[in-house]
Amino acid sequence: MSMYLIYPKSNFIKARVLLIVFLICLNCGVSYGQNQFGLKFKRIRAICRTDNSFVTYNDSLSPKENIPSIVISKIKDLYKKTYIINPWRNENNNPVIFKVSYSRDIDIYIVKIYFFNGILYRLIAFNNVTKITTTISPIINGKWMENQERGFSKNIHFLENPLIYFQDINHEGKKDIIVKERAHNGDVYNAEVDHVYSLDQKMNFNVLLCIESKYLYFLNDCVINRSLKDDTIVSELVCHNNKPIIIGKVKIKPGIRVKIVDRKVYQPEFQNFLITGSGIKDETFLKRGYTFKY
């Protein structure tokens, strides 16, 4: 004998109606956001700061410039591919876009995208002579950077201006691009991660290296600072504004696969913290940074 669970017909009808209403509202919300952005796209302009960088707060004072149509098309494409944009997070529903100068011919646009409870920064390079623009845009997690790390205590405000700058990391006579990111995972992980990119002739960003330049050590409110000197990452421990103590050095070889060439440990208790305190394997972190998001 078969047994069936029987529910009142009216409950099924109510459930179906509620589901349909929910789906309609969700679709309308997404469509509204995309339409609003689309309506504003013809009028958006890029913020050009005197420090040739970008900021995580509302900059309404810096001058603005027009954006090339090919770059606007790329920005539209990025918005379409971002999962359910939240159009109500920024004033007037306008995208926030910064422009920095990489060279005489090349500009880099930093596009701030709000979605759900998160923030992304996307990078687009554009050659004003060849009219070539980026195909694949790197992603920087901006959630924990917003309003100059608002919400964190002042002793762990890691980011310092500029948030993007250029330096010849490989000593190959060409400027590399360094972008700072604030990484966070509750009480487990607090750090600044610096993403280092090279820019090729097709205006694509190639990852050279990720450096955990600042890490909040879980004991005694100490911070591990890291700097790249030639081909070596130098790690120093700073506690309560005392004199920095060098805990180790790691010689690396940047590239498609970042390789660790040599290690020198000066403080044995920190031998597992010479690259990162994230718990991620050293070689993986050097290539990808801190990929966990919440």
C-alpha atoms as a PDB file:
ATOM      1  CA  MET A   1       0.000   0.000   0.000  1.00  0.00           C
ATOM      2  CA  SER A   2       1.491   3.333  -1.056  1.00  0.00           C
ATOM      3  CA  MET A   3       1.304   6.348   1.194  1.00  0.00           C
ATOM      4  CA  TYR A   4       1.274   9.968  -0.017  1.00  0.00           C
ATOM      5  CA  LEU A   5       1.686  13.223   1.835  1.00  0.00           C
ATOM      6  CA  ILE A   6      -1.330  15.359   1.052  1.00  0.00           C
ATOM      7  CA  TYR A   7      -1.316  19.141   1.495  1.00  0.00           C
ATOM      8  CA  PRO A   8      -4.224  21.508   0.983  1.00  0.00           C
ATOM      9  CA  LYS A   9      -4.408  22.729  -2.601  1.00  0.00           C
ATOM     10  CA  SER A  10      -4.570  26.346  -1.441  1.00  0.00           C
ATOM     11  CA  ASN A  11      -1.106  26.058   0.189  1.00  0.00           C
ATOM     12  CA  PHE A  12       0.436  24.897  -3.099  1.00  0.00           C
ATOM     13  CA  ILE A  13      -1.129  27.834  -4.897  1.00  0.00           C
ATOM     14  CA  LYS A  14       0.129  30.299  -2.282  1.00  0.00           C
ATOM     15  CA  ALA A  15       3.632  28.854  -2.423  1.00  0.00           C
ATOM     16  CA  ARG A  16       3.737  29.067  -6.224  1.00  0.00           C
ATOM     17  CA  VAL A  17       2.453  32.649  -6.183  1.00  0.00           C
ATOM     18  CA  LEU A  18       5.076  33.690  -3.607  1.00  0.00           C
ATOM     19  CA  LEU A  19       7.846  32.021  -5.625  1.00  0.00           C
ATOM     20  CA  ILE A  20       6.759  33.773  -8.813  1.00  0.00           C
ATOM     21  CA  VAL A  21       6.570  37.153  -7.045  1.00  0.00           C
ATOM     22  CA  PHE A  22      10.048  36.630  -5.572  1.00  0.00           C
ATOM     23  CA  LEU A  23      11.557  35.750  -8.954  1.00  0.00           C
ATOM     24  CA  ILE A  24       9.898  38.750 -10.605  1.00  0.00           C
ATOM     25  CA  CYS A  25      11.201  41.102  -7.902  1.00  0.00           C
ATOM     26  CA  LEU A  26      14.710  39.665  -8.159  1.00  0.00           C
ATOM     27  CA  ASN A  27      14.726  40.000 -11.933  1.00  0.00           C
ATOM     28  CA  CYS A  28      13.366  43.547 -11.755  1.00  0.00           C
ATOM     29  CA  GLY A  29      16.001  44.515  -9.196  1.00  0.00           C
ATOM     30  CA  VAL A  30      18.827  43.243 -11.362  1.00  0.00           C
ATOM     31  CA  SER A  31      17.339  44.740 -14.519  1.00  0.00           C
ATOM     32  CA  TYR A  32      16.780  48.048 -12.749  1.00  0.00           C
ATOM     33  CA  GLY A  33      20.383  48.139 -11.627  1.00  0.00           C
ATOM     34  CA  GLN A  34      21.737  47.344 -15.081  1.00  0.00           C
ATOM     35  CA  ASN A  35      19.378  49.821 -16.739  1.00  0.00           C
ATOM     36  CA  GLN A  36      20.299  52.547 -14.292  1.00  0.00           C
ATOM     37  CA  PHE A  37      23.988  51.989 -14.922  1.00  0.00           C
ATOM     38  CA  GLY A  38      23.364  51.921 -18.631  1.00  0.00           C
ATOM     39  CA  LEU A  39      21.494  55.214 -18.525  1.00  0.00           C
ATOM     40  CA  LYS A  40      24.327  56.865 -16.667  1.00  0.00           C
ATOM     41  CA  PHE A  41      27.176  55.471 -18.760  1.00  0.00           C
ATOM     42  CA  LYS A  42      27.142  58.262 -21.322  1.00  0.00           C
ATOM     43  CA  ARG A  43      27.723  60.799 -18.576  1.00  0.00           C
ATOM     44  CA  ILE A  44      30.286  59.082 -16.386  1.00  0.00           C
ATOM     45  CA  ARG A  45      33.807  60.476 -16.145  1.00  0.00           C
ATOM     46  CA  ALA A  46      37.023  59.284 -14.528  1.00  0.00           C
ATOM     47  CA  ILE A  47      38.429  60.836 -11.351  1.00  0.00           C
ATOM     48  CA  CYS A  48      42.006  62.040 -11.831  1.00  0.00           C
ATOM     49  CA  ARG A  49      43.791  62.626  -8.545  1.00  0.00           C
ATOM     50  CA  THR A  50      46.980  64.616  -8.161  1.00  0.00           C
ATOM     51  CA  ASP A  51      48.638  61.651  -6.400  1.00  0.00           C
ATOM     52  CA  ASN A  52      48.032  59.462  -9.488  1.00  0.00           C
ATOM     53  CA  SER A  53      46.243  56.843  -7.388  1.00  0.00           C
ATOM     54  CA  PHE A  54      42.758  55.903  -6.191  1.00  0.00           C
ATOM     55  CA  VAL A  55      41.031  56.136  -2.817  1.00  0.00           C
ATOM     56  CA  THR A  56      38.382  54.099  -1.018  1.00  0.00           C
ATOM     57  CA  TYR A  57      36.222  57.035   0.026  1.00  0.00           C
ATOM     58  CA  ASN A  58      34.065  59.493  -1.911  1.00  0.00           C
ATOM     59  CA  ASP A  59      36.351  61.861  -3.779  1.00  0.00           C
ATOM     60  CA  SER A  60      34.140  64.686  -5.027  1.00  0.00           C
ATOM     61  CA  LEU A  61      36.889  67.328  -5.252  1.00  0.00           C
ATOM     62  CA  SER A  62      39.381  65.939  -7.765  1.00  0.00           C
ATOM     63  CA  PRO A  63      38.988  66.897 -11.443  1.00  0.00           C
ATOM     64  CA  LYS A  64      37.355  64.468 -13.870  1.00  0.00           C
ATOM     65  CA  GLU A  65      38.073  63.534 -17.477  1.00  0.00           C
ATOM     66  CA  ASN A  66      36.138  61.894 -20.276  1.00  0.00           C
ATOM     67  CA  ILE A  67      36.604  58.168 -20.814  1.00  0.00           C
ATOM     68  CA  PRO A  68      37.316  56.663 -24.276  1.00  0.00           C
ATOM     69  CA  SER A  69      34.325  54.815 -25.728  1.00  0.00           C
ATOM     70  CA  ILE A  70      36.231  51.530 -25.981  1.00  0.00           C
ATOM     71  CA  VAL A  71      36.964  51.686 -22.239  1.00  0.00           C
ATOM     72  CA  ILE A  72      33.327  52.472 -21.458  1.00  0.00           C
ATOM     73  CA  SER A  73      32.340  49.377 -23.462  1.00  0.00           C
ATOM     74  CA  LYS A  74      34.761  47.312 -21.391  1.00  0.00           C
ATOM     75  CA  ILE A  75      33.351  48.724 -18.156  1.00  0.00           C
ATOM     76  CA  LYS A  76      29.818  47.851 -19.288  1.00  0.00           C
ATOM     77  CA  ASP A  77      30.998  44.320 -19.977  1.00  0.00           C
ATOM     78  CA  LEU A  78      32.479  44.053 -16.472  1.00  0.00           C
ATOM     79  CA  TYR A  79      29.209  45.189 -14.925  1.00  0.00           C
ATOM     80  CA  LYS A  80      27.208  42.665 -16.903  1.00  0.00           C
ATOM     81  CA  LYS A  81      29.485  39.859 -15.726  1.00  0.00           C
ATOM     82  CA  THR A  82      29.396  40.848 -12.053  1.00  0.00           C
ATOM     83  CA  TYR A  83      26.925  38.695 -10.173  1.00  0.00           C
ATOM     84  CA  ILE A  84      23.858  40.791  -9.212  1.00  0.00           C
ATOM     85  CA  ILE A  85      25.195  44.312  -8.874  1.00  0.00           C
ATOM     86  CA  ASN A  86      23.792  46.384  -6.041  1.00  0.00           C
ATOM     87  CA  PRO A  87      22.901  49.720  -7.686  1.00  0.00           C
ATOM     88  CA  TRP A  88      21.828  51.397  -4.481  1.00  0.00           C
ATOM     89  CA  ARG A  89      25.209  51.385  -2.783  1.00  0.00           C
ATOM     90  CA  ASN A  90      26.719  54.433  -4.468  1.00  0.00           C
ATOM     91  CA  GLU A  91      25.398  57.917  -5.024  1.00  0.00           C
ATOM     92  CA  ASN A  92      23.297  58.523  -8.167  1.00  0.00           C
ATOM     93  CA  ASN A  93      23.892  54.895  -9.207  1.00  0.00           C
ATOM     94  CA  ASN A  94      27.003  56.009 -11.087  1.00  0.00           C
ATOM     95  CA  PRO A  95      30.057  53.760 -11.398  1.00  0.00           C
ATOM     96  CA  VAL A  96      33.097  55.109  -9.554  1.00  0.00           C
ATOM     97  CA  ILE A  97      36.115  55.180 -11.855  1.00  0.00           C
ATOM     98  CA  PHE A  98      39.645  56.475 -11.280  1.00  0.00           C
ATOM     99  CA  LYS A  99      42.258  57.095 -13.947  1.00  0.00           C
ATOM    100  CA  VAL A 100      45.986  56.884 -13.290  1.00  0.00           C
ATOM    101  CA  SER A 101      48.803  57.467 -15.739  1.00  0.00           C
ATOM    102  CA  TYR A 102      51.128  54.514 -16.311  1.00  0.00           C
ATOM    103  CA  SER A 103      53.168  56.098 -19.107  1.00  0.00           C
ATOM    104  CA  ARG A 104      52.912  58.833 -21.727  1.00  0.00           C
ATOM    105  CA  ASP A 105      50.627  56.659 -23.880  1.00  0.00           C
ATOM    106  CA  ILE A 106      49.022  54.271 -21.396  1.00  0.00           C
ATOM    107  CA  ASP A 107      46.381  54.957 -18.741  1.00  0.00           C
ATOM    108  CA  ILE A 108      44.977  52.555 -16.170  1.00  0.00           C
ATOM    109  CA  TYR A 109      41.333  52.817 -15.133  1.00  0.00           C
ATOM    110  CA  ILE A 110      40.320  51.499 -11.706  1.00  0.00           C
ATOM    111  CA  VAL A 111      36.629  50.612 -11.695  1.00  0.00           C
ATOM    112  CA  LYS A 112      34.840  50.279  -8.365  1.00  0.00           C
ATOM    113  CA  ILE A 113      31.940  47.812  -8.508  1.00  0.00           C
ATOM    114  CA  TYR A 114      29.446  47.269  -5.674  1.00  0.00           C
ATOM    115  CA  PHE A 115      27.672  43.919  -5.417  1.00  0.00           C
ATOM    116  CA  PHE A 116      25.628  42.469  -2.563  1.00  0.00           C
ATOM    117  CA  ASN A 117      27.717  43.274   0.525  1.00  0.00           C
ATOM    118  CA  GLY A 118      31.009  43.345  -1.344  1.00  0.00           C
ATOM    119  CA  ILE A 119      33.181  45.724  -3.344  1.00  0.00           C
ATOM    120  CA  LEU A 120      35.465  44.884  -6.245  1.00  0.00           C
ATOM    121  CA  TYR A 121      38.126  46.967  -7.951  1.00  0.00           C
ATOM    122  CA  ARG A 122      38.747  46.020 -11.580  1.00  0.00           C
ATOM    123  CA  LEU A 123      41.767  47.218 -13.575  1.00  0.00           C
ATOM    124  CA  ILE A 124      41.633  48.232 -17.236  1.00  0.00           C
ATOM    125  CA  ALA A 125      44.700  49.400 -19.174  1.00  0.00           C
ATOM    126  CA  PHE A 126      44.254  51.457 -22.325  1.00  0.00           C
ATOM    127  CA  ASN A 127      46.836  52.485 -24.898  1.00  0.00           C
ATOM    128  CA  ASN A 128      45.784  55.859 -26.276  1.00  0.00           C
ATOM    129  CA  VAL A 129      47.896  55.376 -29.429  1.00  0.00           C
ATOM    130  CA  THR A 130      47.124  51.802 -30.480  1.00  0.00           C
ATOM    131  CA  LYS A 131      43.611  51.897 -28.938  1.00  0.00           C
ATOM    132  CA  ILE A 132      44.206  48.470 -27.397  1.00  0.00           C
ATOM    133  CA  THR A 133      42.553  47.738 -24.055  1.00  0.00           C
ATOM    134  CA  THR A 134      42.697  44.973 -21.452  1.00  0.00           C
ATOM    135  CA  THR A 135      41.038  41.648 -22.288  1.00  0.00           C
ATOM    136  CA  ILE A 136      41.027  40.057 -18.825  1.00  0.00           C
ATOM    137  CA  SER A 137      40.686  42.464 -15.906  1.00  0.00           C
ATOM    138  CA  PRO A 138      42.339  41.649 -12.537  1.00  0.00           C
ATOM    139  CA  ILE A 139      40.168  41.713  -9.406  1.00  0.00           C
ATOM    140  CA  ILE A 140      41.058  43.385  -6.103  1.00  0.00           C
ATOM    141  CA  ASN A 141      38.789  42.707  -3.113  1.00  0.00           C
ATOM    142  CA  GLY A 142      37.839  46.149  -1.790  1.00  0.00           C
ATOM    143  CA  LYS A 143      35.399  45.159   0.945  1.00  0.00           C
ATOM    144  CA  TRP A 144      37.823  45.680   3.816  1.00  0.00           C
ATOM    145  CA  MET A 145      39.443  48.783   2.323  1.00  0.00           C
ATOM    146  CA  GLU A 146      36.341  50.941   2.250  1.00  0.00           C
ATOM    147  CA  ASN A 147      36.515  54.408   3.818  1.00  0.00           C
ATOM    148  CA  GLN A 148      40.151  53.960   4.820  1.00  0.00           C
ATOM    149  CA  GLU A 149      39.622  50.621   6.592  1.00  0.00           C
ATOM    150  CA  ARG A 150      36.680  51.873   8.609  1.00  0.00           C
ATOM    151  CA  GLY A 151      35.663  49.331  11.230  1.00  0.00           C
ATOM    152  CA  PHE A 152      39.217  48.271  12.108  1.00  0.00           C
ATOM    153  CA  SER A 153      41.027  49.629  15.147  1.00  0.00           C
ATOM    154  CA  LYS A 154      43.656  52.233  14.282  1.00  0.00           C
ATOM    155  CA  ASN A 155      46.560  49.986  15.243  1.00  0.00           C
ATOM    156  CA  ILE A 156      45.703  47.696  12.332  1.00  0.00           C
ATOM    157  CA  HIS A 157      45.072  50.290   9.657  1.00  0.00           C
ATOM    158  CA  PHE A 158      47.628  48.843   7.270  1.00  0.00           C
ATOM    159  CA  LEU A 159      47.059  50.702   4.017  1.00  0.00           C
ATOM    160  CA  GLU A 160      49.065  53.802   3.223  1.00  0.00           C
ATOM    161  CA  ASN A 161      48.826  55.963   0.122  1.00  0.00           C
ATOM    162  CA  PRO A 162      49.310  55.445  -2.721  1.00  0.00           C
ATOM    163  CA  LEU A 163      47.152  52.353  -3.195  1.00  0.00           C
ATOM    164  CA  ILE A 164      48.559  51.868  -6.689  1.00  0.00           C
ATOM    165  CA  TYR A 165      52.086  52.714  -7.804  1.00  0.00           C
ATOM    166  CA  PHE A 166      54.722  51.676 -10.330  1.00  0.00           C
ATOM    167  CA  GLN A 167      58.158  50.180  -9.762  1.00  0.00           C
ATOM    168  CA  ASP A 168      60.599  48.042 -11.740  1.00  0.00           C
ATOM    169  CA  ILE A 169      60.462  44.902  -9.577  1.00  0.00           C
ATOM    170  CA  ASN A 170      62.404  42.672 -11.981  1.00  0.00           C
ATOM    171  CA  HIS A 171      64.977  45.322 -12.888  1.00  0.00           C
ATOM    172  CA  GLU A 172      64.165  44.781 -16.544  1.00  0.00           C
ATOM    173  CA  GLY A 173      63.813  48.459 -17.381  1.00  0.00           C
ATOM    174  CA  LYS A 174      60.006  48.399 -17.359  1.00  0.00           C
ATOM    175  CA  LYS A 175      57.665  49.583 -14.633  1.00  0.00           C
ATOM    176  CA  ASP A 176      55.557  46.977 -12.890  1.00  0.00           C
ATOM    177  CA  ILE A 177      52.190  47.748 -11.308  1.00  0.00           C
ATOM    178  CA  ILE A 178      51.650  47.315  -7.566  1.00  0.00           C
ATOM    179  CA  VAL A 179      48.121  47.407  -6.115  1.00  0.00           C
ATOM    180  CA  LYS A 180      47.428  47.156  -2.387  1.00  0.00           C
ATOM    181  CA  GLU A 181      44.609  45.051  -0.911  1.00  0.00           C
ATOM    182  CA  ARG A 182      43.349  44.789   2.668  1.00  0.00           C
ATOM    183  CA  ALA A 183      42.797  41.113   3.508  1.00  0.00           C
ATOM    184  CA  HIS A 184      40.655  40.008   6.428  1.00  0.00           C
ATOM    185  CA  ASN A 185      39.067  36.872   7.874  1.00  0.00           C
ATOM    186  CA  GLY A 186      37.643  37.549  11.333  1.00  0.00           C
ATOM    187  CA  ASP A 187      40.255  37.096  14.050  1.00  0.00           C
ATOM    188  CA  VAL A 188      42.064  34.518  11.922  1.00  0.00           C
ATOM    189  CA  TYR A 189      43.748  36.785   9.416  1.00  0.00           C
ATOM    190  CA  ASN A 190      44.496  40.481   9.046  1.00  0.00           C
ATOM    191  CA  ALA A 191      47.011  41.648   6.475  1.00  0.00           C
ATOM    192  CA  GLU A 192      47.942  43.884   3.581  1.00  0.00           C
ATOM    193  CA  VAL A 193      48.614  42.017   0.356  1.00  0.00           C
ATOM    194  CA  ASP A 194      50.446  43.751  -2.486  1.00  0.00           C
ATOM    195  CA  HIS A 195      49.648  42.457  -5.979  1.00  0.00           C
ATOM    196  CA  VAL A 196      52.457  42.934  -8.483  1.00  0.00           C
ATOM    197  CA  TYR A 197      51.587  42.884 -12.194  1.00  0.00           C
ATOM    198  CA  SER A 198      53.504  43.336 -15.410  1.00  0.00           C
ATOM    199  CA  LEU A 199      51.749  44.873 -18.400  1.00  0.00           C
ATOM    200  CA  ASP A 200      52.236  43.317 -21.832  1.00  0.00           C
ATOM    201  CA  GLN A 201      51.829  44.893 -25.279  1.00  0.00           C
ATOM    202  CA  LYS A 202      48.245  43.644 -25.483  1.00  0.00           C
ATOM    203  CA  MET A 203      47.438  45.655 -22.321  1.00  0.00           C
ATOM    204  CA  ASN A 204      46.903  42.521 -20.266  1.00  0.00           C
ATOM    205  CA  PHE A 205      47.989  42.265 -16.640  1.00  0.00           C
ATOM    206  CA  ASN A 206      50.262  39.333 -15.805  1.00  0.00           C
ATOM    207  CA  VAL A 207      50.687  38.346 -12.178  1.00  0.00           C
ATOM    208  CA  LEU A 208      54.318  38.482 -11.118  1.00  0.00           C
ATOM    209  CA  LEU A 209      54.046  38.209  -7.386  1.00  0.00           C
ATOM    210  CA  CYS A 210      51.841  38.638  -4.313  1.00  0.00           C
ATOM    211  CA  ILE A 211      53.537  39.907  -1.168  1.00  0.00           C
ATOM    212  CA  GLU A 212      52.023  39.882   2.298  1.00  0.00           C
ATOM    213  CA  SER A 213      53.621  43.212   3.199  1.00  0.00           C
ATOM    214  CA  LYS A 214      51.939  43.503   6.617  1.00  0.00           C
ATOM    215  CA  TYR A 215      50.555  40.757   8.828  1.00  0.00           C
ATOM    216  CA  LEU A 216      49.012  41.040  12.290  1.00  0.00           C
ATOM    217  CA  TYR A 217      50.773  38.355  14.295  1.00  0.00           C
ATOM    218  CA  PHE A 218      48.371  36.630  16.685  1.00  0.00           C
ATOM    219  CA  LEU A 219      50.567  37.069  19.783  1.00  0.00           C
ATOM    220  CA  ASN A 220      51.304  40.298  21.647  1.00  0.00           C
ATOM    221  CA  ASP A 221      49.746  42.523  18.956  1.00  0.00           C
ATOM    222  CA  CYS A 222      52.876  42.318  16.873  1.00  0.00           C
ATOM    223  CA  VAL A 223      53.047  43.053  13.160  1.00  0.00           C
ATOM    224  CA  ILE A 224      55.295  41.347  10.628  1.00  0.00           C
ATOM    225  CA  ASN A 225      56.414  43.765   7.917  1.00  0.00           C
ATOM    226  CA  ARG A 226      57.791  42.474   4.631  1.00  0.00           C
ATOM    227  CA  SER A 227      59.658  44.298   1.914  1.00  0.00           C
ATOM    228  CA  LEU A 228      61.116  43.165  -1.394  1.00  0.00           C
ATOM    229  CA  LYS A 229      64.768  44.059  -1.808  1.00  0.00           C
ATOM    230  CA  ASP A 230      66.010  43.033  -5.225  1.00  0.00           C
ATOM    231  CA  ASP A 231      65.021  39.344  -5.358  1.00  0.00           C
ATOM    232  CA  THR A 232      64.675  38.830  -1.600  1.00  0.00           C
ATOM    233  CA  ILE A 233      61.688  39.208   0.739  1.00  0.00           C
ATOM    234  CA  VAL A 234      62.861  40.515   4.110  1.00  0.00           C
ATOM    235  CA  SER A 235      60.551  39.888   7.086  1.00  0.00           C
ATOM    236  CA  GLU A 236      60.745  42.029  10.226  1.00  0.00           C
ATOM    237  CA  LEU A 237      58.817  41.710  13.500  1.00  0.00           C
ATOM    238  CA  VAL A 238      57.625  44.905  15.198  1.00  0.00           C
ATOM    239  CA  CYS A 239      56.046  44.794  18.661  1.00  0.00           C
ATOM    240  CA  HIS A 240      54.701  47.846  20.506  1.00  0.00           C
ATOM    241  CA  ASN A 241      56.739  50.294  18.418  1.00  0.00           C
ATOM    242  CA  ASN A 242      59.973  48.622  19.493  1.00  0.00           C
ATOM    243  CA  LYS A 243      62.925  48.310  17.155  1.00  0.00           C
ATOM    244  CA  PRO A 244      62.199  45.899  14.266  1.00  0.00           C
ATOM    245  CA  ILE A 245      63.752  42.437  14.506  1.00  0.00           C
ATOM    246  CA  ILE A 246      64.642  40.635  11.260  1.00  0.00           C
ATOM    247  CA  ILE A 247      63.130  37.158  11.501  1.00  0.00           C
ATOM    248  CA  GLY A 248      64.223  35.878   8.103  1.00  0.00           C
ATOM    249  CA  LYS A 249      64.878  36.359   4.408  1.00  0.00           C
ATOM    250  CA  VAL A 250      63.521  34.461   1.412  1.00  0.00           C
ATOM    251  CA  LYS A 251      65.143  34.665  -2.002  1.00  0.00           C
ATOM    252  CA  ILE A 252      62.603  34.236  -4.805  1.00  0.00           C
ATOM    253  CA  LYS A 253      62.371  34.080  -8.579  1.00  0.00           C
ATOM    254  CA  PRO A 254      59.165  35.755  -9.893  1.00  0.00           C
ATOM    255  CA  GLY A 255      57.536  34.434 -13.041  1.00  0.00           C
ATOM    256  CA  ILE A 256      54.681  32.260 -14.281  1.00  0.00           C
ATOM    257  CA  ARG A 257      55.542  30.013 -11.370  1.00  0.00           C
ATOM    258  CA  VAL A 258      57.114  31.884  -8.486  1.00  0.00           C
ATOM    259  CA  LYS A 259      59.997  29.855  -7.109  1.00  0.00           C
ATOM    260  CA  ILE A 260      61.627  30.003  -3.687  1.00  0.00           C
ATOM    261  CA  VAL A 261      65.373  29.833  -4.227  1.00  0.00           C
ATOM    262  CA  ASP A 262      66.678  30.099  -0.666  1.00  0.00           C
ATOM    263  CA  ARG A 263      65.580  30.722   2.935  1.00  0.00           C
ATOM    264  CA  LYS A 264      67.409  32.181   5.896  1.00  0.00           C
ATOM    265  CA  VAL A 265      65.749  31.938   9.317  1.00  0.00           C
ATOM    266  CA  TYR A 266      67.042  34.193  12.100  1.00  0.00           C
ATOM    267  CA  GLN A 267      64.269  33.534  14.628  1.00  0.00           C
ATOM    268  CA  PRO A 268      63.358  29.804  14.584  1.00  0.00           C
ATOM    269  CA  GLU A 269      59.913  30.308  16.152  1.00  0.00           C
ATOM    270  CA  PHE A 270      58.904  32.322  13.073  1.00  0.00           C
ATOM    271  CA  GLN A 271      60.195  29.916  10.435  1.00  0.00           C
ATOM    272  CA  ASN A 272      56.648  29.314   9.155  1.00  0.00           C
ATOM    273  CA  PHE A 273      55.914  33.048   8.852  1.00  0.00           C
ATOM    274  CA  LEU A 274      58.598  34.186   6.443  1.00  0.00           C
ATOM    275  CA  ILE A 275      56.124  34.492   3.538  1.00  0.00           C
ATOM    276  CA  THR A 276      52.631  34.520   5.039  1.00  0.00           C
ATOM    277  CA  GLY A 277      50.590  33.912   8.164  1.00  0.00           C
ATOM    278  CA  SER A 278      47.502  32.943   6.174  1.00  0.00           C
ATOM    279  CA  GLY A 279      48.047  29.191   6.376  1.00  0.00           C
ATOM    280  CA  ILE A 280      48.291  29.004   2.588  1.00  0.00           C
ATOM    281  CA  LYS A 281      51.325  27.303   1.084  1.00  0.00           C
ATOM    282  CA  ASP A 282      54.123  29.789   0.468  1.00  0.00           C
ATOM    283  CA  GLU A 283      54.443  29.218  -3.291  1.00  0.00           C
ATOM    284  CA  THR A 284      50.658  29.379  -3.738  1.00  0.00           C
ATOM    285  CA  PHE A 285      50.423  32.643  -1.801  1.00  0.00           C
ATOM    286  CA  LEU A 286      53.262  34.237  -3.748  1.00  0.00           C
ATOM    287  CA  LYS A 287      51.316  33.599  -6.949  1.00  0.00           C
ATOM    288  CA  ARG A 288      47.679  34.069  -5.912  1.00  0.00           C
ATOM    289  CA  GLY A 289      47.623  36.027  -2.680  1.00  0.00           C
ATOM    290  CA  TYR A 290      44.764  35.532  -0.224  1.00  0.00           C
ATOM    291  CA  THR A 291      41.863  34.182  -2.249  1.00  0.00           C
ATOM    292  CA  PHE A 292      39.423  33.445   0.604  1.00  0.00           C
ATOM    293  CA  LYS A 293      36.541  35.936   0.591  1.00  0.00           C
ATOM    294  CA  TYR A 294      33.517  36.431   2.828  1.00  0.00           C
END
